[in-house]
Protein backbone atom coordinates (compact mmCIF):
# COMPACT_ATOMS: atom_id res chain seq x y z
CA MET A 1 -73.82 105.53 5.63
CA VAL A 2 -73.00 106.87 8.62
CA LYS A 3 -72.31 104.61 11.88
CA ASN A 4 -71.17 106.86 14.34
CA LYS A 5 -71.99 111.07 14.43
CA VAL A 6 -70.74 113.20 17.03
CA VAL A 7 -72.59 116.58 17.46
CA ILE A 8 -70.78 119.39 18.82
CA LYS A 9 -72.90 122.23 20.34
CA GLU A 10 -69.51 124.96 20.29
CA ARG A 11 -68.24 125.41 16.58
CA ASP A 12 -64.44 127.03 16.60
CA ALA A 13 -61.99 127.40 13.80
CA TRP A 14 -61.10 123.70 13.72
CA ALA A 15 -64.56 122.08 13.69
CA ASP A 16 -65.00 122.62 9.70
CA LEU A 17 -61.41 120.40 9.11
CA ALA A 18 -62.30 118.22 11.71
CA ASN A 19 -65.97 117.65 10.03
CA PHE A 20 -64.09 117.09 6.80
CA ILE A 21 -61.53 114.34 7.94
CA GLY A 22 -64.51 112.68 9.79
CA GLU A 23 -66.67 112.66 6.63
CA MET A 24 -63.80 111.43 4.30
CA VAL A 25 -62.92 108.39 6.78
CA ALA A 26 -66.09 107.34 6.99
CA LYS A 27 -67.06 107.53 3.49
CA TYR A 28 -63.51 105.82 2.56
CA ALA A 29 -63.42 103.17 5.34
CA ASP A 30 -64.38 100.17 3.58
CA ALA A 31 -62.02 101.06 0.74
CA MET A 32 -59.03 101.94 3.30
CA GLY A 33 -59.41 98.32 5.00
CA LEU A 34 -59.67 100.05 8.42
CA ASP A 35 -61.28 96.80 9.90
CA GLN A 36 -58.16 94.70 8.53
CA LEU A 37 -55.74 96.75 10.16
CA PRO A 38 -53.64 94.64 13.27
CA ASP A 39 -54.88 95.29 16.73
CA PRO A 40 -53.25 97.76 18.36
CA ASP A 41 -53.43 95.95 21.98
CA ASN A 42 -51.26 93.33 20.43
CA TYR A 43 -48.64 95.57 19.23
CA LEU A 44 -48.83 97.69 22.39
CA ARG A 45 -48.39 94.21 24.32
CA MET A 46 -45.45 93.36 22.36
CA LYS A 47 -43.38 96.77 22.92
CA ARG A 48 -44.16 96.56 26.59
CA MET A 49 -42.52 93.07 26.62
CA LYS A 50 -39.86 93.89 24.63
CA GLN A 51 -39.31 97.11 27.02
CA LEU A 52 -39.30 94.52 29.76
CA TYR A 53 -36.67 91.90 28.34
CA MET A 54 -34.34 94.77 27.65
CA GLU A 55 -34.69 95.95 31.06
CA LEU A 56 -33.95 92.44 32.28
CA TYR A 57 -31.01 92.09 30.12
CA LYS A 58 -29.66 95.02 31.37
CA THR A 59 -30.42 93.82 34.86
CA GLU A 60 -28.37 90.27 34.06
CA LYS A 61 -25.72 92.00 32.37
CA ILE A 62 -24.74 94.67 35.26
CA GLU A 63 -25.09 91.52 37.82
CA LYS A 64 -22.74 89.51 35.69
CA PHE A 65 -20.45 92.42 35.41
CA ARG A 66 -20.53 92.60 39.35
CA SER A 67 -19.78 88.80 39.78
CA ILE A 68 -16.81 89.22 37.81
CA ILE A 69 -15.21 92.22 39.36
CA ILE A 70 -15.94 91.32 42.68
CA PRO A 71 -13.18 88.30 43.02
CA ILE A 72 -10.74 90.58 41.46
CA GLU A 73 -11.20 92.96 44.03
CA ARG A 74 -11.21 90.45 46.88
CA ASN A 75 -7.69 88.88 45.55
CA ALA A 76 -6.40 92.48 45.17
CA VAL A 77 -7.29 93.36 49.02
CA ALA A 78 -5.45 89.83 50.15
């Protein structure tokens, strides 16, 4: 049973391969368990959170480093 079907008016060199792959995915979707795959939005959200955390960590590390250097420079000038 095909749930979704796309009709393409123009055919090119890749149309037969795309059609074959689409039919195979539709045929074996239940056996592959595609409905049980994890939500990609959750993965992308977690990836973005990790990226933001790493940027924050870099910023905090730089600020900590600057706070250590500044007093040393002040003592050297005095």
